[in-house]
Amino acid sequence: MKELLHETRCYRRIAAEARAGRSAHAALVLFPDAAHLRELLKECAKAFFCAEEGSRTAALIEKESFQDCLFYPAAGAKLTVDDAAKILEESLLRPVEGTRKLFVLDAFHTASALVQNKLLKVLEEPPEGVSFLLGAVQEHAVLPTVLSRTEKFAEPPFSEESILKALKRMYPKEAGLERAAAASGGILSQAERLLSGGGESFRLAEEFVKNDAPEAFCRKADKLDKDAFFAALELLLRDMLLLKTGQGRYASRTDGAAKALAERYHAGTLIRALEEVREAEKRVNFNAGVGQALYVLALGMKEEETRWQKLSS
């Protein structure tokens, strides 16, 4: 995974500036993969201190125990007012081992406006030798006043090729790596979830598409890994459309089962279904029930298929 994270612009920039003896007083990394944001910040912190892999400093940063590199908040927690007070206090203390001190603030998008405001002054004018590295998933959750005081690195999702290479390094014995990379949207943790359970999300997507009585499936849908399921379903429908329209060479799979699924639907139905999957995912992200959203999708696919059959007859 480290090789993948080292492809990011923020890592390369921080490493280059550190080698040149420069560093921004405050940098904000916007990274779409929340599950691996902290790992990216650790790699950037190692670059900041020019810590080579395998060195004592790199090992201590990895364990979050290097005295001149302080991580806030605890992994999985939100940055609190108490954390902000500790940061302000710690920033006044001299570095222990060198001449620089780095504060790494993870999941900054979860910090309240009150917490962000408490840190504004130190972000703008930190004590000599002190720098800040902030990590967030969504830019809109970061106050404009914070954005104006930091050097921003907005990292796009990785390419499908980069995700696939990372998966091959991390999971060399797993099957279905190509499908997971294709459906990941450039998010490594999404690809990892798609691989989990032997590709369970892909199996469930097939079950949904070929299910003539969707009520039972939708009743158990709230137990789905919804993000992985929708990604698998979208890829499956895309592959079915490519196979249906004679463009199978671009599909992630061309086996008999995929071709049989494609034959069940008109191309127009699949085009509409792809649009509706994205709308269903949006509704779920705005707190709609997964089962209800999928039931509406299933009924819509049936109605659209009936319409196309009538037009074709």
Protein backbone atom coordinates (compact mmCIF):
# COMPACT_ATOMS: atom_id res chain seq x y z
CA MET A 1 0.00 0.00 0.00
CA LYS A 2 2.88 2.35 0.74
CA GLU A 3 3.92 2.34 -2.91
CA LEU A 4 0.43 3.50 -3.85
CA LEU A 5 0.43 6.27 -1.23
CA HIS A 6 3.82 7.44 -2.47
CA GLU A 7 2.19 8.21 -5.83
CA THR A 8 0.20 11.06 -4.28
CA ARG A 9 1.07 14.64 -5.05
CA CYS A 10 1.18 15.59 -1.37
CA TYR A 11 3.75 12.92 -0.55
CA ARG A 12 5.98 13.80 -3.48
CA ARG A 13 5.75 17.54 -2.73
CA ILE A 14 6.43 17.19 1.00
CA ALA A 15 9.36 14.85 0.32
CA ALA A 16 10.87 17.24 -2.25
CA GLU A 17 10.52 20.24 0.04
CA ALA A 18 12.03 18.34 2.97
CA ARG A 19 15.05 17.35 0.88
CA ALA A 20 15.45 21.01 -0.06
CA GLY A 21 15.26 22.07 3.60
CA ARG A 22 11.84 23.71 3.23
CA SER A 23 8.39 22.94 4.59
CA ALA A 24 5.00 24.62 4.66
CA HIS A 25 3.92 25.80 8.11
CA ALA A 26 0.52 24.17 7.54
CA ALA A 27 -0.62 21.74 4.84
CA LEU A 28 -4.05 20.23 4.27
CA VAL A 29 -4.37 16.87 2.51
CA LEU A 30 -7.81 16.18 1.00
CA PHE A 31 -7.91 12.43 0.36
CA PRO A 32 -11.10 10.57 -0.65
CA ASP A 33 -10.21 7.29 1.08
CA ALA A 34 -11.12 7.80 4.74
CA ALA A 35 -9.98 4.30 5.71
CA HIS A 36 -6.42 4.99 4.57
CA LEU A 37 -6.14 8.70 5.33
CA ARG A 38 -4.12 8.15 8.51
CA GLU A 39 -1.69 5.86 6.66
CA LEU A 40 -1.14 8.55 4.05
CA LEU A 41 -0.51 11.15 6.74
CA LYS A 42 2.08 8.85 8.33
CA GLU A 43 3.90 8.47 5.02
CA CYS A 44 3.85 12.25 4.57
CA ALA A 45 5.18 12.68 8.11
CA LYS A 46 8.07 10.32 7.34
CA ALA A 47 8.80 12.39 4.24
CA PHE A 48 8.68 15.58 6.31
CA PHE A 49 11.42 14.22 8.59
CA CYS A 50 13.34 12.61 5.68
CA ALA A 51 12.93 9.30 7.50
CA GLU A 52 13.96 6.43 5.27
CA GLU A 53 11.94 3.22 5.42
CA GLY A 54 13.41 0.92 8.05
CA SER A 55 14.98 3.74 10.04
CA ARG A 56 14.31 4.33 13.72
CA THR A 57 12.42 7.56 13.02
CA ALA A 58 10.21 5.92 10.39
CA ALA A 59 9.41 3.04 12.75
CA LEU A 60 8.51 5.43 15.57
CA ILE A 61 6.28 7.53 13.30
CA GLU A 62 4.55 4.35 12.15
CA LYS A 63 3.77 3.55 15.81
CA GLU A 64 2.87 7.22 16.49
CA SER A 65 5.51 7.40 19.21
CA PHE A 66 8.12 9.76 17.71
CA GLN A 67 8.34 12.63 20.21
CA ASP A 68 8.60 15.36 17.57
CA CYS A 69 5.65 14.04 15.53
CA LEU A 70 2.40 14.23 17.48
CA PHE A 71 -0.82 12.65 16.19
CA TYR A 72 -4.27 13.98 17.11
CA PRO A 73 -6.88 12.66 17.76
CA ALA A 74 -6.58 8.98 18.69
CA ALA A 75 -7.28 6.70 15.72
CA GLY A 76 -11.01 6.57 15.01
CA ALA A 77 -11.84 9.51 17.29
CA LYS A 78 -12.86 13.10 16.60
CA LEU A 79 -10.70 16.12 17.32
CA THR A 80 -12.04 17.73 20.50
CA VAL A 81 -11.71 21.05 22.30
CA ASP A 82 -9.42 19.32 24.81
CA ASP A 83 -7.25 18.09 21.93
CA ALA A 84 -7.03 21.63 20.59
CA ALA A 85 -5.93 22.91 24.01
CA LYS A 86 -3.23 20.23 24.20
CA ILE A 87 -2.02 21.11 20.71
CA LEU A 88 -1.72 24.79 21.62
CA GLU A 89 0.17 23.90 24.78
CA GLU A 90 2.48 21.38 23.08
CA SER A 91 3.25 23.77 20.23
CA LEU A 92 5.02 26.08 22.70
CA LEU A 93 7.46 23.35 23.79
CA ARG A 94 10.76 22.91 21.96
CA PRO A 95 11.34 19.83 19.78
CA VAL A 96 12.92 16.94 21.68
CA GLU A 97 15.21 15.30 19.13
CA GLY A 98 15.73 17.86 16.40
CA THR A 99 14.84 21.38 15.36
CA ARG A 100 11.35 20.71 13.99
CA LYS A 101 8.07 19.50 15.40
CA LEU A 102 5.12 18.25 13.35
CA PHE A 103 1.50 18.03 14.47
CA VAL A 104 -0.54 15.54 12.41
CA LEU A 105 -4.28 16.21 12.67
CA ASP A 106 -6.23 13.27 11.27
CA ALA A 107 -9.90 13.31 10.18
CA PHE A 108 -10.01 17.09 10.34
CA HIS A 109 -13.35 17.02 8.50
CA THR A 110 -14.92 15.65 11.70
CA ALA A 111 -13.71 18.58 13.84
CA SER A 112 -16.38 21.06 14.91
CA ALA A 113 -16.25 24.71 13.91
CA LEU A 114 -15.37 25.53 17.52
CA VAL A 115 -12.31 23.25 17.45
CA GLN A 116 -11.19 24.55 14.05
CA ASN A 117 -11.51 28.14 15.20
CA LYS A 118 -9.42 27.48 18.31
CA LEU A 119 -6.56 26.36 16.05
CA LEU A 120 -6.74 29.22 13.56
CA LYS A 121 -4.06 31.43 15.09
CA VAL A 122 -1.49 28.66 15.56
CA LEU A 123 -2.12 27.44 12.00
CA GLU A 124 -1.50 30.93 10.66
CA GLU A 125 1.49 31.79 12.87
CA PRO A 126 2.93 28.65 14.46
CA PRO A 127 5.95 28.91 16.80
CA GLU A 128 9.35 28.61 15.17
CA GLY A 129 10.08 25.08 14.01
CA VAL A 130 6.47 23.94 14.28
CA SER A 131 4.46 22.68 11.31
CA PHE A 132 0.99 21.20 10.89
CA LEU A 133 -0.24 18.43 8.60
CA LEU A 134 -4.02 18.18 8.40
CA GLY A 135 -5.95 15.37 6.74
CA ALA A 136 -9.59 15.50 5.64
CA VAL A 137 -11.95 13.64 3.33
CA GLN A 138 -14.35 16.47 2.42
CA GLU A 139 -13.25 20.03 1.73
CA HIS A 140 -16.67 21.48 2.55
CA ALA A 141 -16.27 20.32 6.18
CA VAL A 142 -13.17 22.50 6.61
CA LEU A 143 -13.75 26.16 7.45
CA PRO A 144 -12.77 28.67 4.74
CA THR A 145 -10.59 30.42 7.30
CA VAL A 146 -8.63 27.18 7.79
CA LEU A 147 -8.38 26.60 4.05
CA SER A 148 -6.93 30.08 3.58
CA ARG A 149 -4.20 29.35 6.12
CA THR A 150 -2.99 26.05 4.67
CA GLU A 151 -1.34 24.73 1.55
CA LYS A 152 -4.01 22.49 0.05
CA PHE A 153 -3.40 19.15 -1.67
CA ALA A 154 -6.60 17.80 -3.22
CA GLU A 155 -5.78 14.21 -4.13
CA PRO A 156 -7.98 12.61 -6.82
CA PRO A 157 -8.92 8.92 -6.72
CA PHE A 158 -6.19 6.60 -7.98
CA SER A 159 -6.33 5.17 -11.46
CA GLU A 160 -7.79 1.69 -11.93
CA GLU A 161 -4.33 0.52 -13.03
CA SER A 162 -2.70 1.82 -9.83
CA ILE A 163 -5.35 0.18 -7.65
CA LEU A 164 -4.90 -3.13 -9.48
CA LYS A 165 -1.13 -3.04 -9.03
CA ALA A 166 -1.58 -2.32 -5.31
CA LEU A 167 -4.06 -5.19 -4.94
CA LYS A 168 -1.67 -7.59 -6.66
CA ARG A 169 1.07 -6.60 -4.21
CA MET A 170 -1.20 -6.79 -1.17
CA TYR A 171 -3.41 -9.77 -2.08
CA PRO A 172 -1.43 -11.86 -4.58
CA LYS A 173 -3.47 -15.03 -3.97
CA GLU A 174 -6.93 -13.45 -4.12
CA ALA A 175 -9.21 -13.98 -7.11
CA GLY A 176 -11.24 -11.20 -8.68
CA LEU A 177 -8.66 -8.44 -8.33
CA GLU A 178 -9.48 -6.97 -11.74
CA ARG A 179 -13.18 -6.70 -10.93
CA ALA A 180 -12.47 -5.14 -7.54
CA ALA A 181 -10.15 -2.55 -9.10
CA ALA A 182 -12.64 -1.77 -11.86
CA ALA A 183 -15.48 -1.22 -9.39
CA SER A 184 -13.43 0.62 -6.76
CA GLY A 185 -13.77 4.13 -8.19
CA GLY A 186 -10.08 4.62 -7.47
CA ILE A 187 -10.54 4.07 -3.71
CA LEU A 188 -8.31 1.35 -2.27
CA SER A 189 -10.51 0.57 0.74
CA GLN A 190 -13.49 0.17 -1.61
CA ALA A 191 -11.53 -2.41 -3.61
CA GLU A 192 -10.61 -4.21 -0.39
CA ARG A 193 -14.25 -4.36 0.69
CA LEU A 194 -15.22 -5.71 -2.72
CA LEU A 195 -12.67 -8.50 -2.24
CA SER A 196 -13.92 -9.39 1.24
CA GLY A 197 -15.89 -12.57 1.67
CA GLY A 198 -14.57 -13.95 -1.59
CA GLY A 199 -16.26 -11.21 -3.58
CA GLU A 200 -19.60 -11.46 -1.74
CA SER A 201 -20.78 -8.06 -3.02
CA PHE A 202 -20.41 -9.23 -6.64
CA ARG A 203 -22.37 -12.41 -5.88
CA LEU A 204 -25.15 -10.40 -4.25
CA ALA A 205 -25.25 -8.01 -7.21
CA GLU A 206 -25.84 -10.96 -9.54
CA GLU A 207 -28.53 -12.30 -7.23
CA PHE A 208 -30.29 -8.93 -7.30
CA VAL A 209 -30.18 -8.61 -11.09
CA LYS A 210 -31.56 -12.08 -11.81
CA ASN A 211 -34.10 -12.12 -8.98
CA ASP A 212 -37.66 -12.16 -10.36
CA ALA A 213 -39.10 -11.70 -6.84
CA PRO A 214 -36.99 -8.93 -5.26
CA GLU A 215 -39.04 -8.60 -2.06
CA ALA A 216 -37.04 -11.23 -0.14
CA PHE A 217 -33.70 -9.78 -1.26
CA CYS A 218 -34.70 -6.25 -0.30
CA ARG A 219 -35.89 -7.33 3.15
CA LYS A 220 -32.33 -8.38 4.03
CA ALA A 221 -30.67 -5.47 2.20
CA ASP A 222 -30.01 -3.41 5.32
CA LYS A 223 -27.25 -5.89 6.21
CA LEU A 224 -25.37 -5.16 2.98
CA ASP A 225 -22.08 -3.29 2.76
CA LYS A 226 -23.98 -0.69 0.77
CA ASP A 227 -21.00 1.11 -0.78
CA ALA A 228 -19.40 -2.12 -1.98
CA PHE A 229 -22.75 -3.51 -3.17
CA PHE A 230 -23.64 -0.45 -5.24
CA ALA A 231 -20.14 -0.41 -6.76
CA ALA A 232 -20.44 -4.10 -7.67
CA LEU A 233 -23.94 -3.64 -9.06
CA GLU A 234 -22.91 -0.68 -11.22
CA LEU A 235 -19.96 -2.63 -12.65
CA LEU A 236 -22.17 -5.65 -13.34
CA LEU A 237 -24.77 -3.56 -15.18
CA ARG A 238 -22.03 -1.83 -17.16
CA ASP A 239 -20.55 -5.18 -18.18
CA MET A 240 -24.00 -6.46 -19.15
CA LEU A 241 -24.55 -3.38 -21.32
CA LEU A 242 -21.17 -3.80 -23.02
CA LEU A 243 -21.89 -7.45 -23.72
CA LYS A 244 -25.38 -6.63 -24.97
CA THR A 245 -24.09 -4.00 -27.40
CA GLY A 246 -21.21 -6.06 -28.81
CA GLN A 247 -18.50 -4.27 -26.85
CA GLY A 248 -17.52 -7.19 -24.64
CA ARG A 249 -13.81 -6.52 -25.12
CA TYR A 250 -14.21 -3.56 -22.76
CA ALA A 251 -16.07 -5.54 -20.07
CA SER A 252 -14.40 -6.73 -16.86
CA ARG A 253 -15.89 -10.20 -17.39
CA THR A 254 -17.15 -12.05 -20.45
CA ASP A 255 -18.02 -15.46 -18.98
CA GLY A 256 -21.17 -17.38 -19.78
CA ALA A 257 -22.97 -16.28 -16.61
CA ALA A 258 -22.43 -12.60 -17.44
CA LYS A 259 -23.62 -13.16 -21.01
CA ALA A 260 -26.71 -14.99 -19.76
CA LEU A 261 -27.54 -12.08 -17.45
CA ALA A 262 -27.09 -9.63 -20.32
CA GLU A 263 -29.56 -11.59 -22.45
CA ARG A 264 -32.28 -11.09 -19.84
CA TYR A 265 -32.52 -7.36 -20.51
CA HIS A 266 -32.85 -4.92 -23.38
CA ALA A 267 -29.96 -2.46 -23.79
CA GLY A 268 -32.33 0.42 -23.05
CA THR A 269 -33.25 -1.15 -19.73
CA LEU A 270 -29.59 -1.47 -18.76
CA ILE A 271 -28.87 2.16 -19.67
CA ARG A 272 -31.78 3.30 -17.51
CA ALA A 273 -30.76 0.92 -14.70
CA LEU A 274 -27.26 2.41 -14.57
CA GLU A 275 -28.77 5.86 -14.13
CA GLU A 276 -31.16 4.61 -11.46
CA VAL A 277 -28.41 2.81 -9.50
CA ARG A 278 -26.59 6.10 -9.05
CA GLU A 279 -29.82 7.78 -7.95
CA ALA A 280 -30.56 4.94 -5.52
CA GLU A 281 -27.09 5.29 -4.01
CA LYS A 282 -27.61 9.03 -3.57
CA ARG A 283 -30.93 8.43 -1.80
CA VAL A 284 -29.32 5.90 0.53
CA ASN A 285 -26.51 8.35 1.31
CA PHE A 286 -29.22 10.83 2.30
CA ASN A 287 -30.59 8.30 4.82
CA ALA A 288 -33.11 6.43 2.67
CA GLY A 289 -33.48 2.74 3.54
CA VAL A 290 -31.30 0.43 1.44
CA GLY A 291 -34.08 -2.13 1.03
CA GLN A 292 -36.61 0.48 -0.06
CA ALA A 293 -34.18 2.05 -2.55
CA LEU A 294 -33.36 -1.33 -4.06
CA TYR A 295 -37.02 -2.33 -4.27
CA VAL A 296 -37.81 0.85 -6.20
CA LEU A 297 -34.84 0.11 -8.46
CA ALA A 298 -35.98 -3.49 -9.08
CA LEU A 299 -39.53 -2.37 -9.92
CA GLY A 300 -38.17 0.32 -12.23
CA MET A 301 -36.05 -2.22 -14.10
CA LYS A 302 -39.06 -4.49 -14.56
CA GLU A 303 -41.24 -1.66 -15.82
CA GLU A 304 -38.53 -0.46 -18.20
CA GLU A 305 -38.00 -3.98 -19.56
CA THR A 306 -41.74 -4.40 -20.13
CA ARG A 307 -41.83 -1.09 -21.99
CA TRP A 308 -38.96 -2.12 -24.28
CA GLN A 309 -40.54 -5.51 -24.94
CA LYS A 310 -43.75 -3.80 -26.05
CA LEU A 311 -41.80 -1.41 -28.30
CA SER A 312 -39.90 -4.32 -29.84
CA SER A 313 -42.97 -6.46 -30.51
